[in-house]
């Protein structure tokens, strides 16, 4: 995960923790796995806190880089 993640996404971790705390206040039985399942596994729901959900880390990609490598073999020519 670390090698393919945008580093600035980790700076949003406090937002994730605060949002989890808010959800726990509304539903004390919600576990961390349940929270992650709700916000990352299932299809994104446009509810009253959708804008806040969009601020969570790893919800979308801001930067995308693709590397392509082409290798060509050549035969040695013997004279």
PDB file of N, CA and C in Angstrom:
ATOM      1  N   UNK A   1       0.819  -1.184   0.000  1.00  0.00           N
ATOM      2  CA  UNK A   1       0.000   0.000   0.000  1.00  0.00           C
ATOM      3  C   UNK A   1       0.869   1.256   0.000  1.00  0.00           C
ATOM      4  N   UNK A   2       1.943   1.262   0.743  1.00  0.00           N
ATOM      5  CA  UNK A   2       2.763   2.454   0.853  1.00  0.00           C
ATOM      6  C   UNK A   2       3.451   2.807  -0.454  1.00  0.00           C
ATOM      7  N   UNK A   3       3.839   1.820  -1.218  1.00  0.00           N
ATOM      8  CA  UNK A   3       4.579   2.114  -2.433  1.00  0.00           C
ATOM      9  C   UNK A   3       3.695   2.706  -3.522  1.00  0.00           C
ATOM     10  N   UNK A   4       2.384   2.528  -3.441  1.00  0.00           N
ATOM     11  CA  UNK A   4       1.488   3.028  -4.466  1.00  0.00           C
ATOM     12  C   UNK A   4       0.614   4.178  -3.974  1.00  0.00           C
ATOM     13  N   UNK A   5       0.788   4.622  -2.739  1.00  0.00           N
ATOM     14  CA  UNK A   5      -0.051   5.666  -2.160  1.00  0.00           C
ATOM     15  C   UNK A   5       0.577   7.040  -2.330  1.00  0.00           C
ATOM     16  N   UNK A   6      -0.296   8.003  -2.418  1.00  0.00           N
ATOM     17  CA  UNK A   6       0.160   9.372  -2.436  1.00  0.00           C
ATOM     18  C   UNK A   6       0.467   9.759  -0.994  1.00  0.00           C
ATOM     19  N   UNK A   7       1.642  10.276  -0.766  1.00  0.00           N
ATOM     20  CA  UNK A   7       2.096  10.553   0.589  1.00  0.00           C
ATOM     21  C   UNK A   7       1.189  11.532   1.322  1.00  0.00           C
ATOM     22  N   UNK A   8       0.654  12.512   0.621  1.00  0.00           N
ATOM     23  CA  UNK A   8      -0.189  13.492   1.291  1.00  0.00           C
ATOM     24  C   UNK A   8      -1.497  12.897   1.823  1.00  0.00           C
ATOM     25  N   UNK A   9      -1.860  11.706   1.355  1.00  0.00           N
ATOM     26  CA  UNK A   9      -3.066  11.046   1.871  1.00  0.00           C
ATOM     27  C   UNK A   9      -2.901  10.715   3.357  1.00  0.00           C
ATOM     28  N   UNK A  10      -1.665  10.419   3.777  1.00  0.00           N
ATOM     29  CA  UNK A  10      -1.425  10.096   5.187  1.00  0.00           C
ATOM     30  C   UNK A  10      -1.639  11.309   6.086  1.00  0.00           C
ATOM     31  N   UNK A  11      -1.516  12.507   5.528  1.00  0.00           N
ATOM     32  CA  UNK A  11      -1.766  13.708   6.317  1.00  0.00           C
ATOM     33  C   UNK A  11      -3.247  13.868   6.655  1.00  0.00           C
ATOM     34  N   UNK A  12      -4.100  13.137   5.978  1.00  0.00           N
ATOM     35  CA  UNK A  12      -5.541  13.186   6.232  1.00  0.00           C
ATOM     36  C   UNK A  12      -5.996  12.183   7.293  1.00  0.00           C
ATOM     37  N   UNK A  13      -5.082  11.440   7.872  1.00  0.00           N
ATOM     38  CA  UNK A  13      -5.454  10.440   8.873  1.00  0.00           C
ATOM     39  C   UNK A  13      -6.202  11.036  10.068  1.00  0.00           C
ATOM     40  N   UNK A  14      -5.869  12.229  10.554  1.00  0.00           N
ATOM     41  CA  UNK A  14      -6.666  12.810  11.644  1.00  0.00           C
ATOM     42  C   UNK A  14      -8.129  13.036  11.253  1.00  0.00           C
ATOM     43  N   UNK A  15      -8.388  13.313   9.987  1.00  0.00           N
ATOM     44  CA  UNK A  15      -9.764  13.472   9.516  1.00  0.00           C
ATOM     45  C   UNK A  15     -10.497  12.136   9.628  1.00  0.00           C
ATOM     46  N   UNK A  16      -9.817  11.052   9.287  1.00  0.00           N
ATOM     47  CA  UNK A  16     -10.404   9.722   9.402  1.00  0.00           C
ATOM     48  C   UNK A  16     -10.750   9.410  10.856  1.00  0.00           C
ATOM     49  N   UNK A  17      -9.843   9.703  11.763  1.00  0.00           N
ATOM     50  CA  UNK A  17     -10.069   9.419  13.187  1.00  0.00           C
ATOM     51  C   UNK A  17     -11.223  10.252  13.716  1.00  0.00           C
ATOM     52  N   UNK A  18     -11.261  11.535  13.380  1.00  0.00           N
ATOM     53  CA  UNK A  18     -12.338  12.404  13.847  1.00  0.00           C
ATOM     54  C   UNK A  18     -13.685  11.960  13.290  1.00  0.00           C
ATOM     55  N   UNK A  19     -13.720  11.576  12.035  1.00  0.00           N
ATOM     56  CA  UNK A  19     -14.974  11.128  11.424  1.00  0.00           C
ATOM     57  C   UNK A  19     -15.450   9.825  12.065  1.00  0.00           C
ATOM     58  N   UNK A  20     -14.509   8.937  12.375  1.00  0.00           N
ATOM     59  CA  UNK A  20     -14.869   7.701  13.070  1.00  0.00           C
ATOM     60  C   UNK A  20     -15.460   8.001  14.446  1.00  0.00           C
ATOM     61  N   UNK A  21     -14.868   8.949  15.166  1.00  0.00           N
ATOM     62  CA  UNK A  21     -15.383   9.320  16.485  1.00  0.00           C
ATOM     63  C   UNK A  21     -16.800   9.866  16.362  1.00  0.00           C
ATOM     64  N   UNK A  22     -17.050  10.682  15.350  1.00  0.00           N
ATOM     65  CA  UNK A  22     -18.399  11.224  15.140  1.00  0.00           C
ATOM     66  C   UNK A  22     -19.405  10.108  14.864  1.00  0.00           C
ATOM     67  N   UNK A  23     -19.006   9.126  14.049  1.00  0.00           N
ATOM     68  CA  UNK A  23     -19.901   7.999  13.767  1.00  0.00           C
ATOM     69  C   UNK A  23     -20.150   7.170  15.031  1.00  0.00           C
ATOM     70  N   UNK A  24     -19.108   7.001  15.854  1.00  0.00           N
ATOM     71  CA  UNK A  24     -19.265   6.244  17.099  1.00  0.00           C
ATOM     72  C   UNK A  24     -20.212   6.942  18.071  1.00  0.00           C
ATOM     73  N   UNK A  25     -20.220   8.277  18.064  1.00  0.00           N
ATOM     74  CA  UNK A  25     -21.143   9.013  18.930  1.00  0.00           C
ATOM     75  C   UNK A  25     -22.584   8.793  18.486  1.00  0.00           C
ATOM     76  N   UNK A  26     -22.801   8.656  17.186  1.00  0.00           N
ATOM     77  CA  UNK A  26     -24.142   8.403  16.668  1.00  0.00           C
ATOM     78  C   UNK A  26     -24.559   6.950  16.866  1.00  0.00           C
ATOM     79  N   UNK A  27     -23.590   6.036  16.723  1.00  0.00           N
ATOM     80  CA  UNK A  27     -23.863   4.597  16.848  1.00  0.00           C
ATOM     81  C   UNK A  27     -22.712   3.949  17.616  1.00  0.00           C
ATOM     82  N   UNK A  28     -22.831   3.829  18.961  1.00  0.00           N
ATOM     83  CA  UNK A  28     -21.739   3.261  19.768  1.00  0.00           C
ATOM     84  C   UNK A  28     -21.372   1.817  19.421  1.00  0.00           C
ATOM     85  N   UNK A  29     -22.248   1.105  18.740  1.00  0.00           N
ATOM     86  CA  UNK A  29     -21.947  -0.285  18.400  1.00  0.00           C
ATOM     87  C   UNK A  29     -21.105  -0.405  17.123  1.00  0.00           C
ATOM     88  N   UNK A  30     -20.839   0.704  16.438  1.00  0.00           N
ATOM     89  CA  UNK A  30     -20.063   0.682  15.200  1.00  0.00           C
ATOM     90  C   UNK A  30     -18.591   0.407  15.503  1.00  0.00           C
ATOM     91  N   UNK A  31     -18.060  -0.631  14.893  1.00  0.00           N
ATOM     92  CA  UNK A  31     -16.640  -0.966  15.073  1.00  0.00           C
ATOM     93  C   UNK A  31     -15.801  -0.241  14.021  1.00  0.00           C
ATOM     94  N   UNK A  32     -14.497  -0.248  14.210  1.00  0.00           N
ATOM     95  CA  UNK A  32     -13.603   0.365  13.237  1.00  0.00           C
ATOM     96  C   UNK A  32     -13.721  -0.351  11.891  1.00  0.00           C
ATOM     97  N   UNK A  33     -13.795  -1.676  11.915  1.00  0.00           N
ATOM     98  CA  UNK A  33     -13.952  -2.418  10.663  1.00  0.00           C
ATOM     99  C   UNK A  33     -15.272  -2.091   9.986  1.00  0.00           C
ATOM    100  N   UNK A  34     -16.327  -1.923  10.773  1.00  0.00           N
ATOM    101  CA  UNK A  34     -17.616  -1.532  10.221  1.00  0.00           C
ATOM    102  C   UNK A  34     -17.559  -0.163   9.577  1.00  0.00           C
ATOM    103  N   UNK A  35     -16.859   0.764  10.225  1.00  0.00           N
ATOM    104  CA  UNK A  35     -16.675   2.104   9.696  1.00  0.00           C
ATOM    105  C   UNK A  35     -15.905   2.069   8.376  1.00  0.00           C
ATOM    106  N   UNK A  36     -14.801   1.322   8.344  1.00  0.00           N
ATOM    107  CA  UNK A  36     -14.006   1.220   7.125  1.00  0.00           C
ATOM    108  C   UNK A  36     -14.793   0.544   6.008  1.00  0.00           C
ATOM    109  N   UNK A  37     -15.581  -0.450   6.375  1.00  0.00           N
ATOM    110  CA  UNK A  37     -16.429  -1.128   5.405  1.00  0.00           C
ATOM    111  C   UNK A  37     -17.447  -0.157   4.813  1.00  0.00           C
ATOM    112  N   UNK A  38     -18.039   0.662   5.659  1.00  0.00           N
ATOM    113  CA  UNK A  38     -19.043   1.631   5.229  1.00  0.00           C
ATOM    114  C   UNK A  38     -18.459   2.696   4.310  1.00  0.00           C
ATOM    115  N   UNK A  39     -17.255   3.149   4.592  1.00  0.00           N
ATOM    116  CA  UNK A  39     -16.682   4.272   3.852  1.00  0.00           C
ATOM    117  C   UNK A  39     -15.739   3.882   2.712  1.00  0.00           C
ATOM    118  N   UNK A  40     -15.273   2.629   2.687  1.00  0.00           N
ATOM    119  CA  UNK A  40     -14.301   2.270   1.662  1.00  0.00           C
ATOM    120  C   UNK A  40     -14.693   1.060   0.818  1.00  0.00           C
ATOM    121  N   UNK A  41     -15.420   0.126   1.372  1.00  0.00           N
ATOM    122  CA  UNK A  41     -15.729  -1.103   0.645  1.00  0.00           C
ATOM    123  C   UNK A  41     -16.998  -0.962  -0.185  1.00  0.00           C
ATOM    124  N   UNK A  42     -18.048  -0.478   0.446  1.00  0.00           N
ATOM    125  CA  UNK A  42     -19.327  -0.343  -0.259  1.00  0.00           C
ATOM    126  C   UNK A  42     -19.306   0.853  -1.190  1.00  0.00           C
ATOM    127  N   UNK A  43     -20.275   0.869  -2.096  1.00  0.00           N
ATOM    128  CA  UNK A  43     -20.407   2.000  -3.007  1.00  0.00           C
ATOM    129  C   UNK A  43     -20.651   3.273  -2.198  1.00  0.00           C
ATOM    130  N   UNK A  44     -20.057   4.379  -2.617  1.00  0.00           N
ATOM    131  CA  UNK A  44     -20.176   5.633  -1.893  1.00  0.00           C
ATOM    132  C   UNK A  44     -21.621   6.124  -1.917  1.00  0.00           C
ATOM    133  N   UNK A  45     -22.144   6.420  -0.739  1.00  0.00           N
ATOM    134  CA  UNK A  45     -23.523   6.860  -0.586  1.00  0.00           C
ATOM    135  C   UNK A  45     -23.541   8.380  -0.463  1.00  0.00           C
ATOM    136  N   UNK A  46     -24.416   9.031  -1.217  1.00  0.00           N
ATOM    137  CA  UNK A  46     -24.573  10.488  -1.142  1.00  0.00           C
ATOM    138  C   UNK A  46     -25.560  10.813  -0.030  1.00  0.00           C
ATOM    139  N   UNK A  47     -25.051  10.859   1.202  1.00  0.00           N
ATOM    140  CA  UNK A  47     -25.893  11.169   2.351  1.00  0.00           C
ATOM    141  C   UNK A  47     -25.538  12.549   2.891  1.00  0.00           C
ATOM    142  N   UNK A  48     -26.034  12.876   4.082  1.00  0.00           N
ATOM    143  CA  UNK A  48     -25.839  14.224   4.622  1.00  0.00           C
ATOM    144  C   UNK A  48     -24.380  14.555   4.927  1.00  0.00           C
ATOM    145  N   UNK A  49     -23.533  13.548   5.142  1.00  0.00           N
ATOM    146  CA  UNK A  49     -22.121  13.838   5.405  1.00  0.00           C
ATOM    147  C   UNK A  49     -21.211  13.430   4.242  1.00  0.00           C
ATOM    148  N   UNK A  50     -21.759  13.437   3.042  1.00  0.00           N
ATOM    149  CA  UNK A  50     -20.986  13.038   1.856  1.00  0.00           C
ATOM    150  C   UNK A  50     -19.765  13.933   1.647  1.00  0.00           C
ATOM    151  N   UNK A  51     -19.916  15.241   1.809  1.00  0.00           N
ATOM    152  CA  UNK A  51     -18.790  16.154   1.634  1.00  0.00           C
ATOM    153  C   UNK A  51     -17.683  15.861   2.645  1.00  0.00           C
ATOM    154  N   UNK A  52     -18.061  15.516   3.855  1.00  0.00           N
ATOM    155  CA  UNK A  52     -17.074  15.158   4.871  1.00  0.00           C
ATOM    156  C   UNK A  52     -16.414  13.824   4.521  1.00  0.00           C
ATOM    157  N   UNK A  53     -17.189  12.896   3.987  1.00  0.00           N
ATOM    158  CA  UNK A  53     -16.638  11.610   3.566  1.00  0.00           C
ATOM    159  C   UNK A  53     -15.581  11.787   2.476  1.00  0.00           C
ATOM    160  N   UNK A  54     -15.778  12.764   1.609  1.00  0.00           N
ATOM    161  CA  UNK A  54     -14.836  13.005   0.521  1.00  0.00           C
ATOM    162  C   UNK A  54     -13.488  13.518   1.019  1.00  0.00           C
ATOM    163  N   UNK A  55     -13.425  14.001   2.256  1.00  0.00           N
ATOM    164  CA  UNK A  55     -12.171  14.493   2.822  1.00  0.00           C
ATOM    165  C   UNK A  55     -11.336  13.363   3.439  1.00  0.00           C
ATOM    166  N   UNK A  56     -11.904  12.162   3.537  1.00  0.00           N
ATOM    167  CA  UNK A  56     -11.186  11.032   4.124  1.00  0.00           C
ATOM    168  C   UNK A  56     -10.015  10.629   3.237  1.00  0.00           C
ATOM    169  N   UNK A  57      -8.959  10.103   3.845  1.00  0.00           N
ATOM    170  CA  UNK A  57      -7.811   9.665   3.048  1.00  0.00           C
ATOM    171  C   UNK A  57      -8.140   8.432   2.210  1.00  0.00           C
ATOM    172  N   UNK A  58      -7.482   8.334   1.079  1.00  0.00           N
ATOM    173  CA  UNK A  58      -7.562   7.170   0.187  1.00  0.00           C
ATOM    174  C   UNK A  58      -8.948   6.954  -0.410  1.00  0.00           C
ATOM    175  N   UNK A  59      -9.769   7.994  -0.468  1.00  0.00           N
ATOM    176  CA  UNK A  59     -11.079   7.881  -1.111  1.00  0.00           C
ATOM    177  C   UNK A  59     -10.957   8.028  -2.617  1.00  0.00           C
ATOM    178  N   UNK A  60     -10.019   8.816  -3.059  1.00  0.00           N
ATOM    179  CA  UNK A  60      -9.805   9.012  -4.478  1.00  0.00           C
ATOM    180  C   UNK A  60      -8.347   9.376  -4.697  1.00  0.00           C
ATOM    181  N   UNK A  61      -7.948   9.326  -5.927  1.00  0.00           N
ATOM    182  CA  UNK A  61      -6.559   9.605  -6.265  1.00  0.00           C
ATOM    183  C   UNK A  61      -6.439  11.016  -6.820  1.00  0.00           C
ATOM    184  N   UNK A  62      -5.507  11.785  -6.266  1.00  0.00           N
ATOM    185  CA  UNK A  62      -5.274  13.145  -6.746  1.00  0.00           C
ATOM    186  C   UNK A  62      -4.207  13.174  -7.832  1.00  0.00           C
ATOM    187  N   UNK A  63      -3.245  12.311  -7.720  1.00  0.00           N
ATOM    188  CA  UNK A  63      -2.140  12.279  -8.677  1.00  0.00           C
ATOM    189  C   UNK A  63      -2.011  10.854  -9.203  1.00  0.00           C
ATOM    190  N   UNK A  64      -1.764  10.750 -10.458  1.00  0.00           N
ATOM    191  CA  UNK A  64      -1.631   9.415 -11.040  1.00  0.00           C
ATOM    192  C   UNK A  64      -0.423   9.410 -11.971  1.00  0.00           C
ATOM    193  N   UNK A  65       0.430   8.445 -11.783  1.00  0.00           N
ATOM    194  CA  UNK A  65       1.627   8.331 -12.607  1.00  0.00           C
ATOM    195  C   UNK A  65       1.666   6.912 -13.163  1.00  0.00           C
ATOM    196  N   UNK A  66       1.935   6.817 -14.436  1.00  0.00           N
ATOM    197  CA  UNK A  66       2.044   5.514 -15.083  1.00  0.00           C
ATOM    198  C   UNK A  66       3.425   5.400 -15.715  1.00  0.00           C
ATOM    199  N   UNK A  67       4.080   4.312 -15.435  1.00  0.00           N
ATOM    200  CA  UNK A  67       5.391   4.055 -16.015  1.00  0.00           C
ATOM    201  C   UNK A  67       5.270   2.916 -17.013  1.00  0.00           C
ATOM    202  N   UNK A  68       5.877   3.097 -18.152  1.00  0.00           N
ATOM    203  CA  UNK A  68       5.874   2.058 -19.171  1.00  0.00           C
ATOM    204  C   UNK A  68       7.311   1.766 -19.563  1.00  0.00           C
ATOM    205  N   UNK A  69       7.634   0.503 -19.645  1.00  0.00           N
ATOM    206  CA  UNK A  69       8.978   0.093 -20.038  1.00  0.00           C
ATOM    207  C   UNK A  69       8.860  -0.843 -21.229  1.00  0.00           C
ATOM    208  N   UNK A  70       9.673  -0.589 -22.231  1.00  0.00           N
ATOM    209  CA  UNK A  70       9.707  -1.446 -23.408  1.00  0.00           C
ATOM    210  C   UNK A  70      11.116  -2.019 -23.521  1.00  0.00           C
ATOM    211  N   UNK A  71      11.196  -3.326 -23.605  1.00  0.00           N
ATOM    212  CA  UNK A  71      12.494  -4.002 -23.750  1.00  0.00           C
ATOM    213  C   UNK A  71      12.531  -4.688 -25.111  1.00  0.00           C
ATOM    214  N   UNK A  72      13.554  -4.425 -25.847  1.00  0.00           N
ATOM    215  CA  UNK A  72      13.708  -5.045 -27.165  1.00  0.00           C
ATOM    216  C   UNK A  72      14.998  -5.856 -27.175  1.00  0.00           C
ATOM    217  N   UNK A  73      14.892  -7.062 -27.648  1.00  0.00           N
ATOM    218  CA  UNK A  73      16.077  -7.905 -27.771  1.00  0.00           C
ATOM    219  C   UNK A  73      16.597  -7.812 -29.191  1.00  0.00           C
ATOM    220  N   UNK A  74      17.884  -7.700 -29.312  1.00  0.00           N
ATOM    221  CA  UNK A  74      18.484  -7.694 -30.662  1.00  0.00           C
ATOM    222  C   UNK A  74      19.411  -8.898 -30.772  1.00  0.00           C
ATOM    223  N   UNK A  75      19.451  -9.424 -31.947  1.00  0.00           N
ATOM    224  CA  UNK A  75      20.312 -10.571 -32.197  1.00  0.00           C
ATOM    225  C   UNK A  75      21.714 -10.069 -32.574  1.00  0.00           C
ATOM    226  N   UNK A  76      22.696 -10.734 -32.093  1.00  0.00           N
ATOM    227  CA  UNK A  76      24.088 -10.385 -32.454  1.00  0.00           C
ATOM    228  C   UNK A  76      24.352 -10.853 -33.884  1.00  0.00           C
ATOM    229  N   UNK A  77      24.940  -9.975 -34.655  1.00  0.00           N
ATOM    230  CA  UNK A  77      25.252 -10.303 -36.051  1.00  0.00           C
ATOM    231  C   UNK A  77      26.735 -10.699 -36.118  1.00  0.00           C
ATOM    232  N   UNK A  78      26.972 -11.928 -36.529  1.00  0.00           N
ATOM    233  CA  UNK A  78      28.335 -12.443 -36.634  1.00  0.00           C
ATOM    234  C   UNK A  78      28.765 -12.402 -38.094  1.00  0.00           C
ATOM    235  N   UNK A  79      29.876 -11.756 -38.396  1.00  0.00           N
ATOM    236  CA  UNK A  79      30.390 -11.697 -39.770  1.00  0.00           C
ATOM    237  C   UNK A  79      31.529 -12.625 -39.974  1.00  0.00           C
TER     238      UNK A  79
END
